[in-house]
């Protein structure tokens, strides 16, 4: 039996007060609708349809070929939104999951359990519910004596007895696909909002003698729908706690989980330690036995085993086994370190490969370069890679020594085992095992310091008059 999915993502999200369309607001680094699509993929949904309206082109651009799209041009309620998928899905046989695009905390195991209950009991519809101490603002679940769902009553339409019900509609459903669209055709808008409520489908199916069930989740976060920035921060908090717990369960030490921020798709090896202030973003992969932090930000970066990084920022970088980075280093896109490379304080690496055992320990910029094995780059050395129009490459051979405050003006090659004297500006290639020196001869003027001080003092006095 085929699995189908309908994602409701057409609402404007006015309460977000944002230029960014609501379902594209990120939770732990991924737009909310992306989390929802991930969950549908995890339960093996064969065909997904995203209902778009406001901001349709932006949503389509993000979702891409992960789903089909149906446009709700006029916002007439959730029932009307689901009906927009009818031309695409009406003829399908199977189970259809209907889920809101602003519910990023739905867990795949909960959805799997709900679908299994739905199938085993032969239900026409099964919905996810939750029990709240204060259920104000949510649709209430009305059950009969057998525990089956009779109807869902929206807050504005509740009688006093219904208002006292604590079980609320969590907004995620699965249906027999054919029965879903047949019932949708009978939904009317005779309610306080004059909208076509999707929840009325439940009552229609019950009137037809169909079985409607509810799966009550025990995870208080799953039902959260993000409608404003307060709910967005709550969703971020819950998601972050889940992610951190997963990594700790898998053998990662997180010294202070409340001050460690790991996005959804990050991978971390066992026995790695994350210190406070660590932020791991995007597709970052960290190997085993690493020490990251404190105060590190890694984005789309690959880190091999046994690496130590502290007080540093890395973006689209590749760090080899046993490297040390920081404190206060910046590895920009294209930075690639082989094994046992040392990158020290206030060093910036961009679009450069540093081979095994290379060291750049202090206050240097290495950009558009290939640095050989066991090269030592002294304090303040710079690869001068940009001439105002184009970038040029610097090549440094194995075992070369680059002294402090050296400028390597690219394109230039420093041969294997060459020695570049401190303070030099190198503009031509240096052959293997040669020594290069390129600086003005020093000229000392005896007693001239006193003359300078007298001149500066007189100038200062004249300025103050």
Protein backbone atom coordinates (compact mmCIF):
# COMPACT_ATOMS: atom_id res chain seq x y z
CA UNK A 1 0.00 0.00 0.00
CA UNK A 2 1.43 3.36 -1.05
CA UNK A 3 2.28 6.06 1.47
CA UNK A 4 1.35 9.62 0.52
CA UNK A 5 2.02 12.92 2.26
CA UNK A 6 0.43 16.37 2.21
CA UNK A 7 2.34 19.22 3.86
CA UNK A 8 0.33 22.34 4.70
CA UNK A 9 2.62 25.29 4.00
CA UNK A 10 0.37 27.98 2.54
CA UNK A 11 -0.26 30.20 5.58
CA UNK A 12 1.21 33.69 5.62
CA UNK A 13 2.52 33.59 9.21
CA UNK A 14 1.68 37.20 10.08
CA UNK A 15 2.55 36.71 13.75
CA UNK A 16 6.16 35.98 12.83
CA UNK A 17 6.41 39.63 11.76
CA UNK A 18 9.07 38.71 9.25
CA UNK A 19 9.96 39.09 5.59
CA UNK A 20 10.94 35.42 5.64
CA UNK A 21 8.07 33.07 4.89
CA UNK A 22 7.00 31.18 8.02
CA UNK A 23 7.88 27.58 7.17
CA UNK A 24 11.35 28.70 6.02
CA UNK A 25 12.34 29.95 9.46
CA UNK A 26 15.14 27.64 10.64
CA UNK A 27 15.12 25.43 13.73
CA UNK A 28 18.60 24.15 14.57
CA UNK A 29 19.87 25.25 11.18
CA UNK A 30 17.16 23.77 8.96
CA UNK A 31 13.91 25.40 7.74
CA UNK A 32 10.86 23.99 9.54
CA UNK A 33 9.43 22.51 6.37
CA UNK A 34 12.74 20.71 5.83
CA UNK A 35 12.35 18.93 9.19
CA UNK A 36 8.82 17.89 8.22
CA UNK A 37 9.95 16.49 4.88
CA UNK A 38 12.74 14.59 6.66
CA UNK A 39 10.16 12.89 8.89
CA UNK A 40 8.01 11.94 5.90
CA UNK A 41 11.08 10.47 4.21
CA UNK A 42 11.89 8.49 7.36
CA UNK A 43 8.48 6.76 7.29
CA UNK A 44 8.96 5.97 3.58
CA UNK A 45 6.35 8.25 2.05
CA UNK A 46 6.28 7.52 -1.68
CA UNK A 47 4.77 10.78 -2.89
CA UNK A 48 4.76 14.17 -1.14
CA UNK A 49 2.70 17.24 -2.03
CA UNK A 50 3.48 20.62 -0.42
CA UNK A 51 0.55 23.09 -0.39
CA UNK A 52 1.98 26.55 -1.04
CA UNK A 53 0.41 29.99 -1.01
CA UNK A 54 2.18 33.06 0.36
CA UNK A 55 5.85 32.94 -0.54
CA UNK A 56 5.24 30.03 -2.89
CA UNK A 57 8.32 30.60 -5.04
CA UNK A 58 10.67 30.75 -2.05
CA UNK A 59 9.25 27.52 -0.63
CA UNK A 60 9.53 25.82 -4.03
CA UNK A 61 13.10 27.00 -4.37
CA UNK A 62 14.05 25.49 -1.00
CA UNK A 63 12.12 22.21 -1.36
CA UNK A 64 13.20 21.65 -4.96
CA UNK A 65 12.52 18.16 -6.28
CA UNK A 66 11.83 16.66 -2.85
CA UNK A 67 8.08 17.12 -3.38
CA UNK A 68 5.32 18.14 -5.76
CA UNK A 69 3.42 21.38 -5.23
CA UNK A 70 -0.21 22.54 -5.19
CA UNK A 71 -1.14 26.22 -4.97
CA UNK A 72 -3.75 27.56 -2.55
CA UNK A 73 -4.20 30.96 -4.15
CA UNK A 74 -6.98 32.04 -1.77
CA UNK A 75 -6.72 31.29 1.96
CA UNK A 76 -10.06 29.70 2.83
CA UNK A 77 -8.99 27.41 5.63
CA UNK A 78 -7.14 24.18 6.24
CA UNK A 79 -9.81 22.02 4.60
CA UNK A 80 -9.56 24.10 1.45
CA UNK A 81 -5.75 23.81 1.59
CA UNK A 82 -5.80 20.00 1.66
CA UNK A 83 -8.36 20.00 -1.15
CA UNK A 84 -5.74 21.66 -3.40
CA UNK A 85 -3.92 18.29 -3.52
CA UNK A 86 -6.99 16.56 -4.96
CA UNK A 87 -5.99 16.78 -8.67
CA UNK A 88 -2.65 15.14 -7.83
CA UNK A 89 -3.65 12.47 -5.31
CA UNK A 90 -7.37 11.77 -5.67
CA UNK A 91 -6.90 8.56 -7.69
CA UNK A 92 -4.22 7.08 -5.43
CA UNK A 93 -4.87 4.07 -3.20
CA UNK A 94 -3.07 4.15 0.13
CA UNK A 95 -2.51 5.96 3.41
CA UNK A 96 -2.11 9.74 3.33
CA UNK A 97 -0.30 11.63 6.08
CA UNK A 98 -1.45 15.24 6.46
CA UNK A 99 1.01 17.37 8.44
CA UNK A 100 1.63 21.07 9.00
CA UNK A 101 4.82 22.63 7.65
CA UNK A 102 5.34 24.56 10.89
CA UNK A 103 5.58 21.48 13.17
CA UNK A 104 9.31 20.66 13.05
CA UNK A 105 9.31 18.59 16.26
CA UNK A 106 7.23 15.65 15.04
CA UNK A 107 9.33 12.52 15.61
CA UNK A 108 9.54 9.75 13.04
CA UNK A 109 8.93 7.00 15.61
CA UNK A 110 5.70 8.68 16.75
CA UNK A 111 4.50 9.02 13.18
CA UNK A 112 5.45 5.41 12.48
CA UNK A 113 3.46 4.25 15.54
CA UNK A 114 0.42 6.28 14.48
CA UNK A 115 0.52 4.83 10.96
CA UNK A 116 0.86 1.30 12.33
CA UNK A 117 -2.16 1.83 14.63
CA UNK A 118 -4.13 3.21 11.70
CA UNK A 119 -3.38 0.19 9.52
CA UNK A 120 -3.86 -2.48 12.18
CA UNK A 121 -7.25 -1.11 13.23
CA UNK A 122 -8.46 -0.50 9.67
CA UNK A 123 -9.32 3.11 10.51
CA UNK A 124 -10.49 5.68 8.00
CA UNK A 125 -8.58 8.34 9.93
CA UNK A 126 -6.11 8.46 12.81
CA UNK A 127 -4.91 11.68 14.36
CA UNK A 128 -2.17 12.64 16.77
CA UNK A 129 -3.29 14.16 20.06
CA UNK A 130 -1.74 15.39 23.30
CA UNK A 131 -2.99 16.15 26.81
CA UNK A 132 -2.33 19.65 28.11
CA UNK A 133 -2.86 21.13 31.54
CA UNK A 134 -3.94 24.40 29.91
CA UNK A 135 -5.39 23.56 26.48
CA UNK A 136 -6.55 27.07 25.58
CA UNK A 137 -6.25 27.91 21.89
CA UNK A 138 -6.28 24.31 20.64
CA UNK A 139 -8.96 22.15 19.04
CA UNK A 140 -10.42 19.62 21.52
CA UNK A 141 -10.72 15.88 20.91
CA UNK A 142 -14.24 14.59 21.64
CA UNK A 143 -14.37 10.80 22.19
CA UNK A 144 -17.24 8.33 22.66
CA UNK A 145 -17.59 5.61 25.28
CA UNK A 146 -15.40 3.23 23.23
CA UNK A 147 -12.60 5.78 23.15
CA UNK A 148 -13.00 6.46 19.42
CA UNK A 149 -12.83 10.04 18.18
CA UNK A 150 -16.23 11.54 17.44
CA UNK A 151 -15.16 15.00 16.35
CA UNK A 152 -12.66 17.82 16.80
CA UNK A 153 -14.02 21.12 18.04
CA UNK A 154 -12.04 24.30 17.45
CA UNK A 155 -11.49 26.60 20.46
CA UNK A 156 -13.81 29.33 19.18
CA UNK A 157 -16.65 26.84 18.70
CA UNK A 158 -16.33 24.99 22.03
CA UNK A 159 -19.24 24.62 24.44
CA UNK A 160 -18.38 24.97 28.17
CA UNK A 161 -18.12 21.17 28.51
CA UNK A 162 -15.92 20.88 25.44
CA UNK A 163 -13.75 23.76 26.63
CA UNK A 164 -12.91 21.70 29.73
CA UNK A 165 -11.46 18.83 27.67
CA UNK A 166 -7.66 18.57 28.07
CA UNK A 167 -6.91 16.36 25.06
CA UNK A 168 -6.05 18.54 22.09
CA UNK A 169 -5.53 18.00 18.39
CA UNK A 170 -1.80 17.93 17.61
CA UNK A 171 -2.43 18.66 13.93
CA UNK A 172 -0.98 15.54 12.30
CA UNK A 173 -3.20 12.91 10.66
CA UNK A 174 -3.27 9.82 8.50
CA UNK A 175 -6.20 8.82 6.29
CA UNK A 176 -7.42 6.31 3.83
CA UNK A 177 -6.68 8.46 0.79
CA UNK A 178 -9.93 7.84 -1.14
CA UNK A 179 -12.07 8.41 1.97
CA UNK A 180 -10.18 11.61 2.76
CA UNK A 181 -11.03 13.34 -0.51
CA UNK A 182 -14.61 12.05 -0.51
CA UNK A 183 -15.15 13.56 2.95
CA UNK A 184 -13.41 16.82 2.02
CA UNK A 185 -16.07 17.43 -0.63
CA UNK A 186 -18.67 17.62 2.17
CA UNK A 187 -16.86 20.13 4.42
CA UNK A 188 -18.76 23.43 4.87
CA UNK A 189 -17.78 26.81 6.28
CA UNK A 190 -20.67 27.42 8.71
CA UNK A 191 -18.44 28.29 11.69
CA UNK A 192 -17.22 31.35 13.58
CA UNK A 193 -14.33 31.91 11.17
CA UNK A 194 -16.28 31.17 7.97
CA UNK A 195 -13.47 28.86 6.93
CA UNK A 196 -13.37 25.28 5.70
CA UNK A 197 -11.96 23.43 8.71
CA UNK A 198 -9.99 20.34 7.84
CA UNK A 199 -10.90 18.94 11.26
CA UNK A 200 -14.56 18.66 10.15
CA UNK A 201 -13.48 15.66 8.06
CA UNK A 202 -13.36 13.65 11.30
CA UNK A 203 -17.02 14.30 12.08
CA UNK A 204 -18.05 13.53 8.50
CA UNK A 205 -16.26 10.19 8.55
CA UNK A 206 -17.87 9.31 11.91
CA UNK A 207 -21.34 10.12 10.54
CA UNK A 208 -20.60 7.64 7.76
CA UNK A 209 -19.86 4.96 10.35
CA UNK A 210 -16.11 4.99 9.81
CA UNK A 211 -13.57 4.32 12.56
CA UNK A 212 -11.54 7.36 13.68
CA UNK A 213 -8.71 6.83 16.15
CA UNK A 214 -6.28 9.04 18.06
CA UNK A 215 -2.68 8.36 19.00
CA UNK A 216 -1.82 10.39 22.11
CA UNK A 217 1.85 11.34 22.14
CA UNK A 218 3.69 11.51 25.46
CA UNK A 219 6.25 13.97 24.07
CA UNK A 220 5.04 17.42 25.04
CA UNK A 221 7.08 19.08 22.30
CA UNK A 222 5.66 17.25 19.27
CA UNK A 223 2.45 19.19 19.04
CA UNK A 224 4.13 22.62 19.01
CA UNK A 225 3.18 24.59 15.92
CA UNK A 226 5.39 27.61 15.35
CA UNK A 227 3.32 30.74 14.79
CA UNK A 228 5.52 33.43 16.34
CA UNK A 229 9.10 34.07 17.47
CA UNK A 230 8.36 32.87 21.01
CA UNK A 231 7.23 29.46 19.73
CA UNK A 232 10.22 29.43 17.37
CA UNK A 233 12.60 29.79 20.33
CA UNK A 234 10.75 27.02 22.19
CA UNK A 235 11.05 24.71 19.18
CA UNK A 236 14.77 25.53 18.93
CA UNK A 237 15.23 24.66 22.62
CA UNK A 238 13.43 21.31 22.34
CA UNK A 239 15.20 20.36 19.13
CA UNK A 240 18.61 21.28 20.55
CA UNK A 241 17.96 19.15 23.65
CA UNK A 242 17.02 16.19 21.44
CA UNK A 243 20.11 16.56 19.26
CA UNK A 244 22.48 16.92 22.21
CA UNK A 245 20.92 13.92 23.97
CA UNK A 246 21.33 11.79 20.83
CA UNK A 247 25.05 12.60 20.59
CA UNK A 248 25.66 12.04 24.29
CA UNK A 249 23.88 8.69 24.07
CA UNK A 250 26.22 7.82 21.18
CA UNK A 251 29.34 8.47 23.26
CA UNK A 252 30.03 12.20 22.83
CA UNK A 253 30.86 14.25 25.94
CA UNK A 254 29.08 17.60 25.99
CA UNK A 255 30.42 19.49 28.99
CA UNK A 256 27.58 22.04 29.09
CA UNK A 257 24.63 21.06 26.88
CA UNK A 258 22.81 24.33 27.58
CA UNK A 259 25.66 26.23 25.90
CA UNK A 260 26.41 23.86 23.04
CA UNK A 261 24.61 24.27 19.71
CA UNK A 262 24.56 21.40 17.22
CA UNK A 263 22.48 21.49 14.05
CA UNK A 264 20.39 18.56 12.87
CA UNK A 265 22.64 17.05 10.18
CA UNK A 266 25.94 17.21 12.11
CA UNK A 267 27.79 13.91 12.74
CA UNK A 268 30.15 13.39 15.71
CA UNK A 269 32.35 10.40 16.58
CA UNK A 270 32.55 8.68 19.96
CA UNK A 271 34.83 9.99 22.72
CA UNK A 272 34.87 13.48 21.27
CA UNK A 273 34.55 16.25 23.87
CA UNK A 274 32.62 19.46 23.17
CA UNK A 275 33.33 22.38 25.48
CA UNK A 276 30.92 25.28 26.13
CA UNK A 277 30.32 27.75 23.34
CA UNK A 278 30.74 25.16 20.60
CA UNK A 279 28.52 25.67 17.53
CA UNK A 280 28.44 22.95 14.87
CA UNK A 281 26.49 23.86 11.74
CA UNK A 282 25.34 22.40 8.44
CA UNK A 283 26.94 19.17 7.23
CA UNK A 284 29.84 19.29 9.69
CA UNK A 285 31.39 15.89 10.47
CA UNK A 286 33.66 15.48 13.51
CA UNK A 287 35.64 12.27 14.01
CA UNK A 288 36.41 10.30 17.16
CA UNK A 289 38.61 11.46 20.06
CA UNK A 290 38.49 15.16 19.17
CA UNK A 291 38.38 18.11 21.55
CA UNK A 292 36.33 21.01 20.21
CA UNK A 293 36.02 24.31 22.06
CA UNK A 294 35.55 26.27 24.05
CA UNK A 295 34.01 28.89 21.77
CA UNK A 296 34.32 27.30 18.34
CA UNK A 297 32.07 27.65 15.29
CA UNK A 298 32.34 24.99 12.57
CA UNK A 299 30.19 25.15 9.42
CA UNK A 300 30.14 22.42 6.75
CA UNK A 301 33.56 21.30 7.96
CA UNK A 302 35.14 17.83 8.03
CA UNK A 303 37.30 17.06 11.07
CA UNK A 304 39.24 13.79 11.26
CA UNK A 305 40.02 11.84 14.45
CA UNK A 306 42.17 13.21 17.26
CA UNK A 307 41.88 16.88 16.32
CA UNK A 308 41.96 19.73 18.85
CA UNK A 309 40.30 23.05 18.01
CA UNK A 310 39.69 25.94 20.39
CA UNK A 311 38.45 29.51 20.13
CA UNK A 312 38.31 29.30 16.32
CA UNK A 313 36.00 29.62 13.31
CA UNK A 314 36.05 27.08 10.47
CA UNK A 315 33.88 27.21 7.35
CA UNK A 316 33.91 24.59 4.57
CA UNK A 317 37.30 23.40 5.76
CA UNK A 318 38.88 19.93 5.92
CA UNK A 319 41.05 19.15 8.95
CA UNK A 320 43.22 16.01 8.95
CA UNK A 321 43.94 13.58 11.74
CA UNK A 322 45.86 14.83 14.75
CA UNK A 323 45.82 18.52 13.78
CA UNK A 324 45.66 21.37 16.28
CA UNK A 325 43.84 24.58 15.40
CA UNK A 326 43.75 27.79 17.41
CA UNK A 327 43.25 29.58 19.57
CA UNK A 328 41.71 32.35 17.46
CA UNK A 329 42.30 30.81 14.03
CA UNK A 330 40.07 31.27 10.97
CA UNK A 331 39.87 28.50 8.37
CA UNK A 332 37.88 29.70 5.37
CA UNK A 333 36.40 27.73 2.44
CA UNK A 334 38.95 25.56 0.68
CA UNK A 335 41.28 25.26 3.67
CA UNK A 336 42.55 21.67 3.72
CA UNK A 337 44.96 20.35 6.35
CA UNK A 338 46.70 16.98 6.08
CA UNK A 339 47.62 15.08 9.25
CA UNK A 340 49.37 16.64 12.25
CA UNK A 341 49.30 20.20 10.94
CA UNK A 342 49.52 22.99 13.50
CA UNK A 343 47.56 26.20 12.98
CA UNK A 344 48.17 28.66 15.80
CA UNK A 345 46.79 31.92 17.10
CA UNK A 346 45.46 34.60 14.75
CA UNK A 347 46.20 32.56 11.62
CA UNK A 348 43.89 32.69 8.60
CA UNK A 349 43.87 29.94 5.95
CA UNK A 350 41.88 30.26 2.71
CA UNK A 351 41.77 27.93 -0.31
CA UNK A 352 45.08 26.37 0.66
CA UNK A 353 46.43 22.88 1.23
CA UNK A 354 48.90 22.29 4.06
CA UNK A 355 50.64 18.92 3.88
CA UNK A 356 51.63 16.58 6.71
CA UNK A 357 53.38 18.22 9.66
CA UNK A 358 53.28 21.80 8.36
CA UNK A 359 53.20 24.57 10.99
CA UNK A 360 51.76 28.07 10.81
CA UNK A 361 51.95 29.10 14.42
CA UNK A 362 51.29 32.84 14.71
CA UNK A 363 49.72 35.86 13.06
CA UNK A 364 49.87 34.70 9.42
CA UNK A 365 47.70 34.63 6.30
CA UNK A 366 47.99 31.67 3.90
CA UNK A 367 45.67 31.99 0.91
CA UNK A 368 45.61 30.26 -2.49
CA UNK A 369 48.64 28.16 -1.60
CA UNK A 370 50.14 24.69 -1.48
CA UNK A 371 52.37 24.22 1.57
CA UNK A 372 54.54 21.10 1.62
CA UNK A 373 55.35 18.62 4.35
CA UNK A 374 57.08 19.83 7.52
CA UNK A 375 57.20 23.43 6.34
CA UNK A 376 57.55 26.00 9.12
CA UNK A 377 55.90 29.36 8.44
CA UNK A 378 57.10 32.08 10.80
CA UNK A 379 55.13 34.72 12.66
CA UNK A 380 53.54 37.36 10.45
CA UNK A 381 54.22 35.63 7.12
CA UNK A 382 51.78 36.35 4.28
CA UNK A 383 51.07 34.87 0.89
CA UNK A 384 50.30 37.95 -1.19
CA UNK A 385 47.74 36.32 -3.46
CA UNK A 386 45.73 39.20 -4.97
CA UNK A 387 47.01 41.80 -7.43
CA UNK A 388 43.80 43.82 -7.49
CA UNK A 389 42.36 41.84 -10.40
CA UNK A 390 43.20 38.13 -10.03
CA UNK A 391 44.19 35.61 -7.38
CA UNK A 392 47.56 33.86 -7.75
CA UNK A 393 49.02 30.75 -6.17
CA UNK A 394 52.00 30.28 -3.85
CA UNK A 395 53.78 26.90 -3.75
CA UNK A 396 56.12 26.02 -0.87
CA UNK A 397 58.09 22.77 -1.15
CA UNK A 398 58.62 20.17 1.57
CA UNK A 399 60.89 21.05 4.51
CA UNK A 400 61.16 24.72 3.56
CA UNK A 401 61.53 27.41 6.22
CA UNK A 402 59.67 30.71 5.90
CA UNK A 403 60.95 33.34 8.35
CA UNK A 404 58.89 35.87 10.30
CA UNK A 405 57.32 38.82 8.50
CA UNK A 406 57.93 37.36 5.04
CA UNK A 407 55.78 38.43 2.09
CA UNK A 408 55.51 35.79 -0.65
CA UNK A 409 54.20 37.70 -3.66
CA UNK A 410 52.32 35.21 -5.84
CA UNK A 411 52.66 33.64 -8.25
CA UNK A 412 55.82 32.31 -6.66
CA UNK A 413 57.39 28.94 -5.82
CA UNK A 414 59.67 28.23 -2.88
CA UNK A 415 61.67 25.07 -3.53
CA UNK A 416 62.07 22.03 -1.31
CA UNK A 417 64.30 22.71 1.69
CA UNK A 418 64.69 26.40 0.83
CA UNK A 419 65.24 29.01 3.54
CA UNK A 420 63.57 32.46 3.33
CA UNK A 421 65.12 34.98 5.72
CA UNK A 422 62.87 36.95 8.08
CA UNK A 423 61.57 40.28 6.80
CA UNK A 424 61.98 39.39 3.12
CA UNK A 425 59.58 40.24 0.32
CA UNK A 426 59.94 37.46 -2.25
CA UNK A 427 58.85 38.17 -5.81
CA UNK A 428 60.81 35.53 -7.77
CA UNK A 429 61.05 31.77 -7.35
CA UNK A 430 63.52 30.29 -4.87
CA UNK A 431 65.21 27.08 -5.97
CA UNK A 432 65.50 23.91 -3.90
CA UNK A 433 67.80 24.30 -0.85
CA UNK A 434 68.56 27.96 -1.69
CA UNK A 435 68.43 30.76 0.85
CA UNK A 436 66.56 33.94 -0.15
CA UNK A 437 66.92 37.36 1.42
CA UNK A 438 65.14 40.42 0.07
CA UNK A 439 65.31 43.44 2.35
CA UNK A 440 67.06 46.83 2.58
CA UNK A 441 70.47 46.94 4.29
CA UNK A 442 70.19 48.42 7.80
CA UNK A 443 71.68 51.90 8.33
CA UNK A 444 72.24 53.07 11.96
CA UNK A 445 72.67 56.85 12.56
CA UNK A 446 74.58 57.48 15.83
CA UNK A 447 72.81 59.81 18.30
CA UNK A 448 69.99 60.56 15.89
CA UNK A 449 67.30 59.31 18.30
CA UNK A 450 67.85 62.35 20.54
CA UNK A 451 67.47 64.70 17.57
CA UNK A 452 64.19 63.00 16.64
CA UNK A 453 62.79 63.31 20.16
CA UNK A 454 63.69 67.02 20.29
CA UNK A 455 62.07 67.60 16.91
CA UNK A 456 58.84 65.76 17.92
CA UNK A 457 58.70 67.69 21.25
CA UNK A 458 59.04 71.06 19.50
CA UNK A 459 56.38 70.17 16.97
CA UNK A 460 53.97 69.15 19.76
CA UNK A 461 54.57 72.42 21.67
CA UNK A 462 53.97 74.52 18.54
CA UNK A 463 50.73 72.66 17.87
CA UNK A 464 49.40 73.35 21.38
CA UNK A 465 49.95 77.17 21.12
